[in-house]
Amino acid sequence: MQLLAEHPEGLGINALCRQLDTQKPGLLRILASLTAPGWVIKDPHSLRYRLGYRLLTLGAQALLGPHFQDIAHQGLRQLAQETHETANLGVLDQWQVVFIDQMEGVQAIRLQVRVGSRAPVHCTALGKALSANAPQDVLNALWAMAPYPRFTSHTLCTDGELQDELERVRQQGFAVDGEEHRDGIRCIGAPIRNYHGDVVAAMSISGPTTRIPPAAVSDLAAIVMRIADDVSRQLGYHARSPETIPSAQGDR
């Protein structure tokens, strides 16, 4: 696991055998026992192994303090209660968002995401909120990955489009997925910071566009930002003073 931590791009079975100086049959048994519960994941395309979402959850708890999960979960509960929509919590793992907690809304039709599942960063509110505040070297690597996969007709696929979008996220303090990942679904997300000011997680709400039209984005974004700031403040961050939330531009 330490070796995989040193190679976030993942390692194939042969490379693992060489570096660990062990035989393939025994190592495959160990990897199988780690893969089943999610400690390690195997990329179905590259066949490389890398650390899984279960360790991300533990790492988030360790980095943010022993009460992070409780604080964040209470924030999700409040967010779902105030907006009546499903509230999500995610962390960044390279170029994907890992969902580590969720609180369902009270609406009959609601979006459900399995805890531990992943989503791309370029077309999700959580992903934008997280990557907009990433270090420059991480952003440079993200630009180099363009063009990005298209999921709907609204997906931002070029590095120029995404750069403009992330600059807008940094300025207004929240991110919007306007049917960019799934048709008919709109999400609004905001970052969570630790006492150093580093963005370590993000929370969002998600729901059908019939309940979250463009005209409702600004008011809902104010709620998401307020609760994300409250979680950040409980983690030791001095949140920004209340201010006027910029109007959402276009359909995002």
Protein backbone atom coordinates (compact mmCIF):
# COMPACT_ATOMS: atom_id res chain seq x y z
CA MET A 1 0.00 0.00 0.00
CA GLN A 2 2.93 2.33 0.69
CA LEU A 3 4.31 1.54 -2.76
CA LEU A 4 0.97 2.34 -4.38
CA ALA A 5 0.82 5.59 -2.42
CA GLU A 6 4.12 6.55 -4.04
CA HIS A 7 2.71 5.84 -7.52
CA PRO A 8 -0.71 7.55 -7.78
CA GLU A 9 -0.83 6.69 -11.50
CA GLY A 10 -0.97 3.02 -10.46
CA LEU A 11 1.26 0.00 -11.02
CA GLY A 12 0.72 -3.21 -12.95
CA ILE A 13 1.15 -6.62 -11.39
CA ASN A 14 4.57 -7.19 -12.97
CA ALA A 15 5.91 -3.85 -11.74
CA LEU A 16 4.56 -4.58 -8.26
CA CYS A 17 6.25 -7.99 -8.23
CA ARG A 18 9.58 -6.49 -9.25
CA GLN A 19 9.53 -3.65 -6.76
CA LEU A 20 8.29 -5.79 -3.89
CA ASP A 21 10.55 -8.71 -4.85
CA THR A 22 7.72 -11.21 -4.50
CA GLN A 23 5.98 -13.88 -6.58
CA LYS A 24 2.85 -13.15 -8.63
CA PRO A 25 0.48 -15.81 -7.13
CA GLY A 26 0.96 -14.66 -3.54
CA LEU A 27 0.74 -10.99 -4.48
CA LEU A 28 -2.46 -11.56 -6.46
CA ARG A 29 -4.05 -13.13 -3.37
CA ILE A 30 -3.06 -10.10 -1.27
CA LEU A 31 -4.36 -7.69 -3.90
CA ALA A 32 -7.65 -9.59 -4.12
CA SER A 33 -8.14 -9.27 -0.36
CA LEU A 34 -7.44 -5.52 -0.56
CA THR A 35 -9.54 -4.91 -3.68
CA ALA A 36 -12.76 -6.51 -2.42
CA PRO A 37 -13.37 -3.98 0.40
CA GLY A 38 -12.09 -1.02 -1.64
CA TRP A 39 -8.67 -0.43 -0.08
CA VAL A 40 -7.12 -0.95 -3.51
CA ILE A 41 -8.78 -0.60 -6.93
CA LYS A 42 -7.82 -2.11 -10.29
CA ASP A 43 -8.29 0.01 -13.39
CA PRO A 44 -10.25 -2.15 -15.87
CA HIS A 45 -8.51 -0.55 -18.86
CA SER A 46 -4.87 -0.18 -17.82
CA LEU A 47 -5.02 -3.14 -15.37
CA ARG A 48 -3.00 -1.05 -12.93
CA TYR A 49 -3.60 -1.09 -9.19
CA ARG A 50 -3.87 2.05 -7.07
CA LEU A 51 -5.16 3.09 -3.68
CA GLY A 52 -8.93 3.02 -3.36
CA TYR A 53 -11.67 5.21 -1.96
CA ARG A 54 -11.73 3.55 1.46
CA LEU A 55 -8.29 4.98 2.19
CA LEU A 56 -9.41 8.37 0.93
CA THR A 57 -12.17 8.41 3.50
CA LEU A 58 -9.76 7.51 6.29
CA GLY A 59 -7.24 10.01 4.99
CA ALA A 60 -9.82 12.78 4.95
CA GLN A 61 -10.74 12.00 8.52
CA ALA A 62 -7.09 11.95 9.60
CA LEU A 63 -6.19 15.20 7.83
CA LEU A 64 -9.28 17.12 8.87
CA GLY A 65 -9.43 15.89 12.44
CA PRO A 66 -11.26 13.15 14.28
CA HIS A 67 -14.59 14.96 14.19
CA PHE A 68 -14.58 15.79 10.47
CA GLN A 69 -17.06 13.11 9.47
CA ASP A 70 -19.53 14.14 12.17
CA ILE A 71 -19.15 17.85 11.39
CA ALA A 72 -19.52 17.31 7.64
CA HIS A 73 -22.45 14.92 8.06
CA GLN A 74 -24.31 17.44 10.18
CA GLY A 75 -23.63 20.03 7.48
CA LEU A 76 -25.09 17.70 4.86
CA ARG A 77 -28.14 17.12 7.02
CA GLN A 78 -28.71 20.85 7.37
CA LEU A 79 -28.15 21.41 3.65
CA ALA A 80 -30.69 18.73 2.72
CA GLN A 81 -33.20 20.12 5.21
CA GLU A 82 -32.91 23.72 4.00
CA THR A 83 -32.94 22.98 0.27
CA HIS A 84 -35.02 19.76 0.29
CA GLU A 85 -32.52 18.37 -2.24
CA THR A 86 -29.95 15.58 -1.93
CA ALA A 87 -26.68 16.79 -0.36
CA ASN A 88 -23.33 15.27 -1.29
CA LEU A 89 -19.80 15.31 0.17
CA GLY A 90 -16.76 14.57 -2.00
CA VAL A 91 -12.97 14.63 -2.05
CA LEU A 92 -10.53 14.82 -4.94
CA ASP A 93 -8.60 11.78 -6.12
CA GLN A 94 -6.44 12.86 -9.06
CA TRP A 95 -9.00 13.76 -11.77
CA GLN A 96 -12.03 12.21 -10.14
CA VAL A 97 -14.40 13.08 -7.32
CA VAL A 98 -14.98 10.37 -4.75
CA PHE A 99 -18.33 10.60 -2.95
CA ILE A 100 -17.70 9.95 0.76
CA ASP A 101 -21.10 10.85 2.21
CA GLN A 102 -24.64 11.72 1.15
CA MET A 103 -27.87 12.89 2.75
CA GLU A 104 -30.99 12.31 0.68
CA GLY A 105 -33.56 15.05 0.25
CA VAL A 106 -37.25 14.71 0.94
CA GLN A 107 -38.41 15.00 -2.66
CA ALA A 108 -40.09 12.01 -4.30
CA ILE A 109 -37.69 12.27 -7.25
CA ARG A 110 -34.09 12.61 -6.09
CA LEU A 111 -30.59 11.80 -7.28
CA GLN A 112 -28.87 8.91 -5.50
CA VAL A 113 -25.12 8.35 -5.69
CA ARG A 114 -23.43 5.39 -4.05
CA VAL A 115 -20.89 6.36 -1.40
CA GLY A 116 -17.47 5.41 -2.76
CA SER A 117 -18.49 5.98 -6.38
CA ARG A 118 -16.55 8.34 -8.61
CA ALA A 119 -17.33 11.12 -11.07
CA PRO A 120 -15.17 13.28 -13.38
CA VAL A 121 -14.05 16.70 -12.18
CA HIS A 122 -14.61 18.69 -15.38
CA CYS A 123 -18.39 18.34 -15.49
CA THR A 124 -19.52 18.11 -11.84
CA ALA A 125 -20.13 20.83 -9.26
CA LEU A 126 -18.07 18.97 -6.64
CA GLY A 127 -15.24 18.45 -9.12
CA LYS A 128 -15.15 22.10 -10.15
CA ALA A 129 -15.28 23.33 -6.54
CA LEU A 130 -12.35 21.06 -5.69
CA SER A 131 -10.18 21.53 -8.79
CA ALA A 132 -10.70 25.31 -9.00
CA ASN A 133 -8.66 25.60 -5.82
CA ALA A 134 -5.99 23.02 -6.70
CA PRO A 135 -2.28 23.93 -6.95
CA GLN A 136 -1.08 25.24 -10.30
CA ASP A 137 0.93 22.13 -11.16
CA VAL A 138 -2.21 20.05 -10.68
CA LEU A 139 -4.17 22.42 -12.92
CA ASN A 140 -1.47 22.31 -15.59
CA ALA A 141 -1.78 18.52 -15.65
CA LEU A 142 -5.55 18.87 -15.92
CA TRP A 143 -5.26 21.21 -18.92
CA ALA A 144 -2.97 18.69 -20.59
CA MET A 145 -5.70 16.04 -20.40
CA ALA A 146 -8.00 17.95 -22.76
CA PRO A 147 -10.16 17.30 -24.67
CA TYR A 148 -12.34 15.94 -21.89
CA PRO A 149 -15.01 13.27 -22.29
CA ARG A 150 -18.41 14.54 -23.38
CA PHE A 151 -21.42 13.31 -21.40
CA THR A 152 -24.11 15.73 -22.62
CA SER A 153 -24.42 18.58 -25.09
CA HIS A 154 -23.56 20.96 -22.21
CA THR A 155 -20.27 19.32 -21.18
CA LEU A 156 -17.20 21.57 -21.24
CA CYS A 157 -14.66 19.61 -23.28
CA THR A 158 -11.77 22.02 -24.01
CA ASP A 159 -9.11 23.27 -21.62
CA GLY A 160 -10.00 26.87 -22.51
CA GLU A 161 -13.65 26.37 -21.55
CA LEU A 162 -12.69 24.69 -18.30
CA GLN A 163 -10.11 27.34 -17.40
CA ASP A 164 -12.73 30.07 -17.83
CA GLU A 165 -15.22 28.06 -15.81
CA LEU A 166 -12.83 27.43 -12.91
CA GLU A 167 -11.88 31.12 -12.82
CA ARG A 168 -15.58 31.91 -12.50
CA VAL A 169 -15.84 29.37 -9.67
CA ARG A 170 -12.93 30.99 -7.82
CA GLN A 171 -14.45 34.44 -8.14
CA GLN A 172 -18.03 33.61 -7.16
CA GLY A 173 -17.18 30.95 -4.55
CA PHE A 174 -19.44 28.19 -5.88
CA ALA A 175 -19.65 25.82 -8.82
CA VAL A 176 -22.57 24.69 -10.95
CA ASP A 177 -23.07 21.58 -13.06
CA GLY A 178 -25.75 22.69 -15.50
CA GLU A 179 -26.71 19.36 -17.09
CA GLU A 180 -23.04 18.79 -17.94
CA HIS A 181 -22.78 15.29 -16.47
CA ARG A 182 -26.39 14.12 -16.74
CA ASP A 183 -29.23 15.56 -18.78
CA GLY A 184 -31.95 17.05 -16.61
CA ILE A 185 -29.77 17.30 -13.47
CA ARG A 186 -28.33 20.48 -11.98
CA CYS A 187 -25.87 20.56 -9.06
CA ILE A 188 -24.43 23.41 -6.99
CA GLY A 189 -21.24 22.91 -4.96
CA ALA A 190 -18.91 24.85 -2.67
CA PRO A 191 -15.48 24.06 -1.19
CA ILE A 192 -14.68 23.10 2.41
CA ARG A 193 -11.37 24.37 3.80
CA ASN A 194 -9.21 23.29 6.73
CA TYR A 195 -7.55 25.60 9.23
CA HIS A 196 -4.70 26.25 6.75
CA GLY A 197 -7.21 27.46 4.16
CA ASP A 198 -6.60 24.44 1.92
CA VAL A 199 -9.63 23.00 0.11
CA VAL A 200 -9.91 19.44 1.37
CA ALA A 201 -13.48 18.54 0.45
CA ALA A 202 -16.60 19.99 -1.14
CA MET A 203 -20.34 19.71 -0.62
CA SER A 204 -23.13 20.08 -3.11
CA ILE A 205 -26.83 19.71 -3.73
CA SER A 206 -28.24 17.92 -6.75
CA GLY A 207 -31.70 17.74 -8.23
CA PRO A 208 -33.72 17.87 -11.45
CA THR A 209 -33.63 21.07 -13.47
CA THR A 210 -37.38 21.40 -13.04
CA ARG A 211 -36.77 22.10 -9.33
CA ILE A 212 -33.43 23.88 -9.78
CA PRO A 213 -33.91 26.23 -12.76
CA PRO A 214 -31.23 28.85 -13.57
CA ALA A 215 -33.24 31.50 -11.72
CA ALA A 216 -32.94 29.54 -8.45
CA VAL A 217 -29.17 28.99 -8.61
CA SER A 218 -28.07 32.17 -6.82
CA ASP A 219 -30.36 31.67 -3.81
CA LEU A 220 -29.45 28.00 -3.47
CA ALA A 221 -25.75 28.76 -3.94
CA ALA A 222 -25.93 31.17 -1.00
CA ILE A 223 -27.22 28.33 1.20
CA VAL A 224 -24.57 25.86 -0.01
CA MET A 225 -21.79 28.40 0.56
CA ARG A 226 -23.06 29.37 4.00
CA ILE A 227 -23.17 25.79 5.23
CA ALA A 228 -19.83 24.89 3.60
CA ASP A 229 -18.32 27.93 5.32
CA ASP A 230 -19.82 26.83 8.63
CA VAL A 231 -18.23 23.37 8.25
CA SER A 232 -14.92 25.05 7.35
CA ARG A 233 -15.17 27.31 10.38
CA GLN A 234 -15.68 24.31 12.65
CA LEU A 235 -12.51 22.85 11.12
CA GLY A 236 -10.62 26.00 12.14
CA TYR A 237 -10.87 28.07 8.96
CA HIS A 238 -11.78 31.75 9.20
CA ALA A 239 -14.56 31.86 6.63
CA ARG A 240 -15.21 34.89 4.46
CA SER A 241 -17.58 37.56 5.63
CA PRO A 242 -21.12 37.39 4.21
CA GLU A 243 -21.37 39.09 0.84
CA THR A 244 -23.65 39.35 -2.14
CA ILE A 245 -23.58 36.15 -4.17
CA PRO A 246 -22.90 36.85 -7.85
CA SER A 247 -25.69 35.89 -10.20
CA ALA A 248 -25.17 32.62 -11.99
CA GLN A 249 -24.11 33.11 -15.61
CA GLY A 250 -26.09 31.36 -18.30
CA ASP A 251 -27.30 27.87 -17.49
CA ARG A 252 -24.37 26.95 -15.19
